[in-house]
Amino acid sequence: MRGKLFHILNITVLVFMSGVNLLGWFGNAMSQVTYSSINFAITTTYVWWGAFYLIQYSRKESAWRVVWFLISIGVLFYWMAGGGASFYNAFVE
């Protein structure tokens, strides 16, 4: 991935992720019982995205960036699909 494409793809993921997180946060706020695990998962999703962005940014090789971009997509999808809330319920509560 070259410079502009690298940034465009990561910002696109951030915008899509923000939209999904906003819907999740709104749904959690409007439910009868607000779960702190969902708030934790939503908040830490941005931390994960930033960490993966820095990992990708640290090297200039295209193969490195593509592999870590695909890893970040997989991890973020898992985290947003319930992995973050499960982690919170298993280790924090």
PDB file of N, CA and C in Angstrom:
ATOM      1  N   MET A   1       0.845  -1.170   0.000  1.00  0.00           N
ATOM      2  CA  MET A   1       0.000   0.000   0.000  1.00  0.00           C
ATOM      3  C   MET A   1       0.891   1.233   0.000  1.00  0.00           C
ATOM      4  N   ARG A   2       0.574   2.119  -0.847  1.00  0.00           N
ATOM      5  CA  ARG A   2       1.320   3.376  -0.882  1.00  0.00           C
ATOM      6  C   ARG A   2       0.728   4.354   0.135  1.00  0.00           C
ATOM      7  N   GLY A   3       1.331   5.517   0.252  1.00  0.00           N
ATOM      8  CA  GLY A   3       0.975   6.483   1.285  1.00  0.00           C
ATOM      9  C   GLY A   3      -0.476   6.896   1.304  1.00  0.00           C
ATOM     10  N   LYS A   4      -0.987   7.386   0.178  1.00  0.00           N
ATOM     11  CA  LYS A   4      -2.364   7.885   0.174  1.00  0.00           C
ATOM     12  C   LYS A   4      -3.381   6.763   0.360  1.00  0.00           C
ATOM     13  N   LEU A   5      -3.168   5.644  -0.315  1.00  0.00           N
ATOM     14  CA  LEU A   5      -4.101   4.530  -0.200  1.00  0.00           C
ATOM     15  C   LEU A   5      -4.138   4.001   1.227  1.00  0.00           C
ATOM     16  N   PHE A   6      -2.988   3.938   1.858  1.00  0.00           N
ATOM     17  CA  PHE A   6      -2.888   3.495   3.251  1.00  0.00           C
ATOM     18  C   PHE A   6      -3.750   4.366   4.163  1.00  0.00           C
ATOM     19  N   HIS A   7      -3.632   5.664   4.021  1.00  0.00           N
ATOM     20  CA  HIS A   7      -4.408   6.578   4.862  1.00  0.00           C
ATOM     21  C   HIS A   7      -5.894   6.545   4.507  1.00  0.00           C
ATOM     22  N   ILE A   8      -6.220   6.477   3.228  1.00  0.00           N
ATOM     23  CA  ILE A   8      -7.623   6.452   2.805  1.00  0.00           C
ATOM     24  C   ILE A   8      -8.326   5.217   3.358  1.00  0.00           C
ATOM     25  N   LEU A   9      -7.694   4.050   3.252  1.00  0.00           N
ATOM     26  CA  LEU A   9      -8.321   2.823   3.754  1.00  0.00           C
ATOM     27  C   LEU A   9      -8.498   2.860   5.270  1.00  0.00           C
ATOM     28  N   ASN A  10      -7.509   3.341   5.986  1.00  0.00           N
ATOM     29  CA  ASN A  10      -7.624   3.394   7.446  1.00  0.00           C
ATOM     30  C   ASN A  10      -8.663   4.415   7.898  1.00  0.00           C
ATOM     31  N   ILE A  11      -8.746   5.550   7.226  1.00  0.00           N
ATOM     32  CA  ILE A  11      -9.758   6.548   7.586  1.00  0.00           C
ATOM     33  C   ILE A  11     -11.153   6.036   7.231  1.00  0.00           C
ATOM     34  N   THR A  12     -11.271   5.302   6.132  1.00  0.00           N
ATOM     35  CA  THR A  12     -12.555   4.702   5.769  1.00  0.00           C
ATOM     36  C   THR A  12     -13.006   3.711   6.839  1.00  0.00           C
ATOM     37  N   VAL A  13     -12.088   2.898   7.316  1.00  0.00           N
ATOM     38  CA  VAL A  13     -12.410   1.959   8.398  1.00  0.00           C
ATOM     39  C   VAL A  13     -12.826   2.728   9.649  1.00  0.00           C
ATOM     40  N   LEU A  14     -12.132   3.816   9.963  1.00  0.00           N
ATOM     41  CA  LEU A  14     -12.477   4.628  11.134  1.00  0.00           C
ATOM     42  C   LEU A  14     -13.874   5.229  11.011  1.00  0.00           C
ATOM     43  N   VAL A  15     -14.219   5.732   9.840  1.00  0.00           N
ATOM     44  CA  VAL A  15     -15.544   6.334   9.644  1.00  0.00           C
ATOM     45  C   VAL A  15     -16.635   5.263   9.743  1.00  0.00           C
ATOM     46  N   PHE A  16     -16.437   4.120   9.103  1.00  0.00           N
ATOM     47  CA  PHE A  16     -17.411   3.032   9.183  1.00  0.00           C
ATOM     48  C   PHE A  16     -17.549   2.540  10.623  1.00  0.00           C
ATOM     49  N   MET A  17     -16.413   2.382  11.293  1.00  0.00           N
ATOM     50  CA  MET A  17     -16.413   1.929  12.675  1.00  0.00           C
ATOM     51  C   MET A  17     -17.128   2.930  13.580  1.00  0.00           C
ATOM     52  N   SER A  18     -16.931   4.214  13.337  1.00  0.00           N
ATOM     53  CA  SER A  18     -17.594   5.237  14.146  1.00  0.00           C
ATOM     54  C   SER A  18     -19.106   5.196  13.968  1.00  0.00           C
ATOM     55  N   GLY A  19     -19.566   4.967  12.753  1.00  0.00           N
ATOM     56  CA  GLY A  19     -21.004   4.855  12.514  1.00  0.00           C
ATOM     57  C   GLY A  19     -21.617   3.666  13.223  1.00  0.00           C
ATOM     58  N   VAL A  20     -20.963   2.525  13.136  1.00  0.00           N
ATOM     59  CA  VAL A  20     -21.464   1.325  13.810  1.00  0.00           C
ATOM     60  C   VAL A  20     -21.417   1.512  15.321  1.00  0.00           C
ATOM     61  N   ASN A  21     -20.341   2.086  15.827  1.00  0.00           N
ATOM     62  CA  ASN A  21     -20.235   2.321  17.270  1.00  0.00           C
ATOM     63  C   ASN A  21     -21.277   3.315  17.760  1.00  0.00           C
ATOM     64  N   LEU A  22     -21.562   4.320  16.960  1.00  0.00           N
ATOM     65  CA  LEU A  22     -22.590   5.289  17.341  1.00  0.00           C
ATOM     66  C   LEU A  22     -23.956   4.617  17.453  1.00  0.00           C
ATOM     67  N   LEU A  23     -24.278   3.741  16.509  1.00  0.00           N
ATOM     68  CA  LEU A  23     -25.545   3.000  16.595  1.00  0.00           C
ATOM     69  C   LEU A  23     -25.574   2.083  17.817  1.00  0.00           C
ATOM     70  N   GLY A  24     -24.454   1.415  18.087  1.00  0.00           N
ATOM     71  CA  GLY A  24     -24.389   0.549  19.268  1.00  0.00           C
ATOM     72  C   GLY A  24     -24.513   1.320  20.563  1.00  0.00           C
ATOM     73  N   TRP A  25     -23.852   2.461  20.621  1.00  0.00           N
ATOM     74  CA  TRP A  25     -23.919   3.300  21.815  1.00  0.00           C
ATOM     75  C   TRP A  25     -25.329   3.851  22.023  1.00  0.00           C
ATOM     76  N   PHE A  26     -25.964   4.269  20.948  1.00  0.00           N
ATOM     77  CA  PHE A  26     -27.334   4.767  21.029  1.00  0.00           C
ATOM     78  C   PHE A  26     -28.277   3.660  21.480  1.00  0.00           C
ATOM     79  N   GLY A  27     -28.120   2.468  20.908  1.00  0.00           N
ATOM     80  CA  GLY A  27     -28.963   1.337  21.312  1.00  0.00           C
ATOM     81  C   GLY A  27     -28.762   0.967  22.758  1.00  0.00           C
ATOM     82  N   ASN A  28     -27.526   1.022  23.218  1.00  0.00           N
ATOM     83  CA  ASN A  28     -27.243   0.716  24.619  1.00  0.00           C
ATOM     84  C   ASN A  28     -27.843   1.771  25.539  1.00  0.00           C
ATOM     85  N   ALA A  29     -27.770   3.022  25.124  1.00  0.00           N
ATOM     86  CA  ALA A  29     -28.318   4.105  25.954  1.00  0.00           C
ATOM     87  C   ALA A  29     -29.841   4.069  26.004  1.00  0.00           C
ATOM     88  N   MET A  30     -30.480   3.614  24.941  1.00  0.00           N
ATOM     89  CA  MET A  30     -31.937   3.609  24.885  1.00  0.00           C
ATOM     90  C   MET A  30     -32.560   2.351  25.486  1.00  0.00           C
ATOM     91  N   SER A  31     -31.743   1.343  25.814  1.00  0.00           N
ATOM     92  CA  SER A  31     -32.305   0.124  26.389  1.00  0.00           C
ATOM     93  C   SER A  31     -32.646   0.346  27.860  1.00  0.00           C
ATOM     94  N   GLN A  32     -33.406  -0.564  28.408  1.00  0.00           N
ATOM     95  CA  GLN A  32     -33.814  -0.420  29.803  1.00  0.00           C
ATOM     96  C   GLN A  32     -32.650  -0.601  30.761  1.00  0.00           C
ATOM     97  N   VAL A  33     -31.716  -1.457  30.374  1.00  0.00           N
ATOM     98  CA  VAL A  33     -30.532  -1.698  31.203  1.00  0.00           C
ATOM     99  C   VAL A  33     -29.313  -1.330  30.376  1.00  0.00           C
ATOM    100  N   THR A  34     -28.522  -0.386  30.857  1.00  0.00           N
ATOM    101  CA  THR A  34     -27.308   0.020  30.146  1.00  0.00           C
ATOM    102  C   THR A  34     -26.158  -0.857  30.614  1.00  0.00           C
ATOM    103  N   TYR A  35     -25.496  -1.508  29.677  1.00  0.00           N
ATOM    104  CA  TYR A  35     -24.406  -2.412  29.999  1.00  0.00           C
ATOM    105  C   TYR A  35     -23.073  -1.684  29.880  1.00  0.00           C
ATOM    106  N   SER A  36     -22.300  -1.726  30.926  1.00  0.00           N
ATOM    107  CA  SER A  36     -20.986  -1.085  30.886  1.00  0.00           C
ATOM    108  C   SER A  36     -20.025  -1.849  29.989  1.00  0.00           C
ATOM    109  N   SER A  37     -20.282  -3.139  29.764  1.00  0.00           N
ATOM    110  CA  SER A  37     -19.422  -3.917  28.877  1.00  0.00           C
ATOM    111  C   SER A  37     -19.507  -3.420  27.441  1.00  0.00           C
ATOM    112  N   ILE A  38     -20.660  -2.975  27.018  1.00  0.00           N
ATOM    113  CA  ILE A  38     -20.813  -2.446  25.661  1.00  0.00           C
ATOM    114  C   ILE A  38     -20.094  -1.103  25.551  1.00  0.00           C
ATOM    115  N   ASN A  39     -20.213  -0.271  26.567  1.00  0.00           N
ATOM    116  CA  ASN A  39     -19.483   0.998  26.557  1.00  0.00           C
ATOM    117  C   ASN A  39     -17.974   0.769  26.534  1.00  0.00           C
ATOM    118  N   PHE A  40     -17.505  -0.233  27.266  1.00  0.00           N
ATOM    119  CA  PHE A  40     -16.085  -0.583  27.259  1.00  0.00           C
ATOM    120  C   PHE A  40     -15.639  -1.030  25.869  1.00  0.00           C
ATOM    121  N   ALA A  41     -16.431  -1.884  25.244  1.00  0.00           N
ATOM    122  CA  ALA A  41     -16.077  -2.390  23.913  1.00  0.00           C
ATOM    123  C   ALA A  41     -16.046  -1.264  22.886  1.00  0.00           C
ATOM    124  N   ILE A  42     -16.999  -0.367  22.956  1.00  0.00           N
ATOM    125  CA  ILE A  42     -17.048   0.752  22.016  1.00  0.00           C
ATOM    126  C   ILE A  42     -15.846   1.673  22.208  1.00  0.00           C
ATOM    127  N   THR A  43     -15.521   1.974  23.431  1.00  0.00           N
ATOM    128  CA  THR A  43     -14.408   2.873  23.709  1.00  0.00           C
ATOM    129  C   THR A  43     -13.068   2.261  23.316  1.00  0.00           C
ATOM    130  N   THR A  44     -12.862   1.014  23.666  1.00  0.00           N
ATOM    131  CA  THR A  44     -11.581   0.386  23.365  1.00  0.00           C
ATOM    132  C   THR A  44     -11.407   0.053  21.891  1.00  0.00           C
ATOM    133  N   THR A  45     -12.482   0.070  21.122  1.00  0.00           N
ATOM    134  CA  THR A  45     -12.353  -0.131  19.682  1.00  0.00           C
ATOM    135  C   THR A  45     -11.476   0.947  19.066  1.00  0.00           C
ATOM    136  N   TYR A  46     -11.609   2.165  19.542  1.00  0.00           N
ATOM    137  CA  TYR A  46     -10.780   3.256  19.028  1.00  0.00           C
ATOM    138  C   TYR A  46      -9.317   3.096  19.454  1.00  0.00           C
ATOM    139  N   VAL A  47      -9.090   2.548  20.630  1.00  0.00           N
ATOM    140  CA  VAL A  47      -7.723   2.277  21.078  1.00  0.00           C
ATOM    141  C   VAL A  47      -7.094   1.210  20.178  1.00  0.00           C
ATOM    142  N   TRP A  48      -7.850   0.151  19.887  1.00  0.00           N
ATOM    143  CA  TRP A  48      -7.359  -0.887  18.974  1.00  0.00           C
ATOM    144  C   TRP A  48      -7.046  -0.311  17.598  1.00  0.00           C
ATOM    145  N   TRP A  49      -7.951   0.501  17.080  1.00  0.00           N
ATOM    146  CA  TRP A  49      -7.733   1.086  15.758  1.00  0.00           C
ATOM    147  C   TRP A  49      -6.460   1.925  15.758  1.00  0.00           C
ATOM    148  N   GLY A  50      -6.268   2.740  16.780  1.00  0.00           N
ATOM    149  CA  GLY A  50      -5.069   3.573  16.859  1.00  0.00           C
ATOM    150  C   GLY A  50      -3.798   2.748  16.963  1.00  0.00           C
ATOM    151  N   ALA A  51      -3.842   1.670  17.720  1.00  0.00           N
ATOM    152  CA  ALA A  51      -2.664   0.804  17.851  1.00  0.00           C
ATOM    153  C   ALA A  51      -2.320   0.160  16.508  1.00  0.00           C
ATOM    154  N   PHE A  52      -3.327  -0.338  15.819  1.00  0.00           N
ATOM    155  CA  PHE A  52      -3.074  -0.956  14.512  1.00  0.00           C
ATOM    156  C   PHE A  52      -2.626   0.075  13.484  1.00  0.00           C
ATOM    157  N   TYR A  53      -3.145   1.274  13.564  1.00  0.00           N
ATOM    158  CA  TYR A  53      -2.721   2.334  12.655  1.00  0.00           C
ATOM    159  C   TYR A  53      -1.242   2.657  12.866  1.00  0.00           C
ATOM    160  N   LEU A  54      -0.818   2.736  14.114  1.00  0.00           N
ATOM    161  CA  LEU A  54       0.593   3.007  14.403  1.00  0.00           C
ATOM    162  C   LEU A  54       1.494   1.854  13.963  1.00  0.00           C
ATOM    163  N   ILE A  55       1.032   0.619  14.131  1.00  0.00           N
ATOM    164  CA  ILE A  55       1.798  -0.533  13.670  1.00  0.00           C
ATOM    165  C   ILE A  55       1.974  -0.470  12.153  1.00  0.00           C
ATOM    166  N   GLN A  56       0.904  -0.160  11.446  1.00  0.00           N
ATOM    167  CA  GLN A  56       0.988  -0.067   9.986  1.00  0.00           C
ATOM    168  C   GLN A  56       1.860   1.100   9.557  1.00  0.00           C
ATOM    169  N   TYR A  57       1.789   2.182  10.273  1.00  0.00           N
ATOM    170  CA  TYR A  57       2.519   3.393   9.912  1.00  0.00           C
ATOM    171  C   TYR A  57       4.022   3.261  10.181  1.00  0.00           C
ATOM    172  N   SER A  58       4.376   2.360  11.089  1.00  0.00           N
ATOM    173  CA  SER A  58       5.772   2.245  11.499  1.00  0.00           C
ATOM    174  C   SER A  58       6.675   1.705  10.400  1.00  0.00           C
ATOM    175  N   ARG A  59       6.132   0.945   9.469  1.00  0.00           N
ATOM    176  CA  ARG A  59       6.934   0.372   8.388  1.00  0.00           C
ATOM    177  C   ARG A  59       6.423   0.875   7.051  1.00  0.00           C
ATOM    178  N   LYS A  60       7.286   0.901   6.070  1.00  0.00           N
ATOM    179  CA  LYS A  60       6.920   1.426   4.756  1.00  0.00           C
ATOM    180  C   LYS A  60       6.673   0.332   3.717  1.00  0.00           C
ATOM    181  N   GLU A  61       6.974  -0.929   4.033  1.00  0.00           N
ATOM    182  CA  GLU A  61       6.786  -2.011   3.069  1.00  0.00           C
ATOM    183  C   GLU A  61       5.299  -2.267   2.847  1.00  0.00           C
ATOM    184  N   SER A  62       4.929  -2.447   1.593  1.00  0.00           N
ATOM    185  CA  SER A  62       3.516  -2.655   1.254  1.00  0.00           C
ATOM    186  C   SER A  62       2.980  -3.951   1.834  1.00  0.00           C
ATOM    187  N   ALA A  63       3.778  -5.016   1.779  1.00  0.00           N
ATOM    188  CA  ALA A  63       3.314  -6.310   2.295  1.00  0.00           C
ATOM    189  C   ALA A  63       3.026  -6.214   3.793  1.00  0.00           C
ATOM    190  N   TRP A  64       3.887  -5.521   4.519  1.00  0.00           N
ATOM    191  CA  TRP A  64       3.694  -5.328   5.958  1.00  0.00           C
ATOM    192  C   TRP A  64       2.377  -4.624   6.228  1.00  0.00           C
ATOM    193  N   ARG A  65       2.125  -3.555   5.485  1.00  0.00           N
ATOM    194  CA  ARG A  65       0.912  -2.773   5.710  1.00  0.00           C
ATOM    195  C   ARG A  65      -0.342  -3.551   5.338  1.00  0.00           C
ATOM    196  N   VAL A  66      -0.292  -4.308   4.256  1.00  0.00           N
ATOM    197  CA  VAL A  66      -1.465  -5.084   3.835  1.00  0.00           C
ATOM    198  C   VAL A  66      -1.786  -6.155   4.865  1.00  0.00           C
ATOM    199  N   VAL A  67      -0.780  -6.874   5.322  1.00  0.00           N
ATOM    200  CA  VAL A  67      -1.011  -7.937   6.311  1.00  0.00           C
ATOM    201  C   VAL A  67      -1.584  -7.356   7.599  1.00  0.00           C
ATOM    202  N   TRP A  68      -0.998  -6.282   8.089  1.00  0.00           N
ATOM    203  CA  TRP A  68      -1.500  -5.695   9.332  1.00  0.00           C
ATOM    204  C   TRP A  68      -2.849  -5.019   9.151  1.00  0.00           C
ATOM    205  N   PHE A  69      -3.137  -4.518   7.958  1.00  0.00           N
ATOM    206  CA  PHE A  69      -4.464  -3.965   7.696  1.00  0.00           C
ATOM    207  C   PHE A  69      -5.512  -5.070   7.770  1.00  0.00           C
ATOM    208  N   LEU A  70      -5.229  -6.222   7.177  1.00  0.00           N
ATOM    209  CA  LEU A  70      -6.169  -7.344   7.221  1.00  0.00           C
ATOM    210  C   LEU A  70      -6.318  -7.879   8.642  1.00  0.00           C
ATOM    211  N   ILE A  71      -5.225  -7.935   9.387  1.00  0.00           N
ATOM    212  CA  ILE A  71      -5.308  -8.358  10.791  1.00  0.00           C
ATOM    213  C   ILE A  71      -6.168  -7.379  11.585  1.00  0.00           C
ATOM    214  N   SER A  72      -5.968  -6.082  11.340  1.00  0.00           N
ATOM    215  CA  SER A  72      -6.745  -5.085  12.082  1.00  0.00           C
ATOM    216  C   SER A  72      -8.232  -5.184  11.760  1.00  0.00           C
ATOM    217  N   ILE A  73      -8.573  -5.434  10.495  1.00  0.00           N
ATOM    218  CA  ILE A  73      -9.983  -5.599  10.128  1.00  0.00           C
ATOM    219  C   ILE A  73     -10.584  -6.791  10.880  1.00  0.00           C
ATOM    220  N   GLY A  74      -9.858  -7.893  10.916  1.00  0.00           N
ATOM    221  CA  GLY A  74     -10.350  -9.086  11.621  1.00  0.00           C
ATOM    222  C   GLY A  74     -10.521  -8.865  13.112  1.00  0.00           C
ATOM    223  N   VAL A  75      -9.523  -8.263  13.741  1.00  0.00           N
ATOM    224  CA  VAL A  75      -9.586  -8.023  15.185  1.00  0.00           C
ATOM    225  C   VAL A  75     -10.692  -7.029  15.518  1.00  0.00           C
ATOM    226  N   LEU A  76     -10.791  -5.956  14.751  1.00  0.00           N
ATOM    227  CA  LEU A  76     -11.835  -4.959  15.014  1.00  0.00           C
ATOM    228  C   LEU A  76     -13.226  -5.541  14.804  1.00  0.00           C
ATOM    229  N   PHE A  77     -13.408  -6.363  13.776  1.00  0.00           N
ATOM    230  CA  PHE A  77     -14.709  -7.000  13.556  1.00  0.00           C
ATOM    231  C   PHE A  77     -15.060  -7.902  14.734  1.00  0.00           C
ATOM    232  N   TYR A  78     -14.097  -8.717  15.182  1.00  0.00           N
ATOM    233  CA  TYR A  78     -14.349  -9.592  16.322  1.00  0.00           C
ATOM    234  C   TYR A  78     -14.668  -8.785  17.587  1.00  0.00           C
ATOM    235  N   TRP A  79     -13.881  -7.733  17.828  1.00  0.00           N
ATOM    236  CA  TRP A  79     -14.060  -6.924  19.031  1.00  0.00           C
ATOM    237  C   TRP A  79     -15.420  -6.236  19.035  1.00  0.00           C
ATOM    238  N   MET A  80     -15.826  -5.705  17.869  1.00  0.00           N
ATOM    239  CA  MET A  80     -17.101  -4.999  17.787  1.00  0.00           C
ATOM    240  C   MET A  80     -18.294  -5.947  17.769  1.00  0.00           C
ATOM    241  N   ALA A  81     -18.086  -7.188  17.339  1.00  0.00           N
ATOM    242  CA  ALA A  81     -19.181  -8.149  17.241  1.00  0.00           C
ATOM    243  C   ALA A  81     -19.489  -8.840  18.564  1.00  0.00           C
ATOM    244  N   GLY A  82     -18.773  -8.497  19.611  1.00  0.00           N
ATOM    245  CA  GLY A  82     -19.081  -9.063  20.918  1.00  0.00           C
ATOM    246  C   GLY A  82     -17.872  -9.518  21.694  1.00  0.00           C
ATOM    247  N   GLY A  83     -16.716  -9.562  21.057  1.00  0.00           N
ATOM    248  CA  GLY A  83     -15.505  -9.984  21.754  1.00  0.00           C
ATOM    249  C   GLY A  83     -15.104  -9.033  22.859  1.00  0.00           C
ATOM    250  N   GLY A  84     -15.289  -7.733  22.643  1.00  0.00           N
ATOM    251  CA  GLY A  84     -14.939  -6.745  23.658  1.00  0.00           C
ATOM    252  C   GLY A  84     -15.828  -6.843  24.885  1.00  0.00           C
ATOM    253  N   ALA A  85     -17.123  -7.019  24.650  1.00  0.00           N
ATOM    254  CA  ALA A  85     -18.054  -7.160  25.771  1.00  0.00           C
ATOM    255  C   ALA A  85     -17.808  -8.466  26.514  1.00  0.00           C
ATOM    256  N   SER A  86     -17.501  -9.540  25.790  1.00  0.00           N
ATOM    257  CA  SER A  86     -17.191 -10.820  26.433  1.00  0.00           C
ATOM    258  C   SER A  86     -15.922 -10.721  27.264  1.00  0.00           C
ATOM    259  N   PHE A  87     -14.914 -10.025  26.745  1.00  0.00           N
ATOM    260  CA  PHE A  87     -13.673  -9.812  27.491  1.00  0.00           C
ATOM    261  C   PHE A  87     -13.958  -9.064  28.789  1.00  0.00           C
ATOM    262  N   TYR A  88     -14.758  -8.019  28.693  1.00  0.00           N
ATOM    263  CA  TYR A  88     -15.114  -7.238  29.884  1.00  0.00           C
ATOM    264  C   TYR A  88     -15.842  -8.100  30.902  1.00  0.00           C
ATOM    265  N   ASN A  89     -16.802  -8.878  30.442  1.00  0.00           N
ATOM    266  CA  ASN A  89     -17.583  -9.721  31.362  1.00  0.00           C
ATOM    267  C   ASN A  89     -16.720 -10.804  31.989  1.00  0.00           C
ATOM    268  N   ALA A  90     -15.736 -11.328  31.257  1.00  0.00           N
ATOM    269  CA  ALA A  90     -14.916 -12.407  31.772  1.00  0.00           C
ATOM    270  C   ALA A  90     -13.851 -11.919  32.741  1.00  0.00           C
ATOM    271  N   PHE A  91     -13.247 -10.767  32.470  1.00  0.00           N
ATOM    272  CA  PHE A  91     -12.094 -10.367  33.253  1.00  0.00           C
ATOM    273  C   PHE A  91     -12.298  -9.163  34.162  1.00  0.00           C
ATOM    274  N   VAL A  92     -13.250  -8.329  33.867  1.00  0.00           N
ATOM    275  CA  VAL A  92     -13.412  -7.113  34.667  1.00  0.00           C
ATOM    276  C   VAL A  92     -14.495  -7.286  35.724  1.00  0.00           C
ATOM    277  N   GLU A  93     -15.600  -7.847  35.362  1.00  0.00           N
ATOM    278  CA  GLU A  93     -16.689  -8.003  36.342  1.00  0.00           C
ATOM    279  C   GLU A  93     -16.481  -9.173  37.226  1.00  0.00           C
TER     280      GLU A  93
END
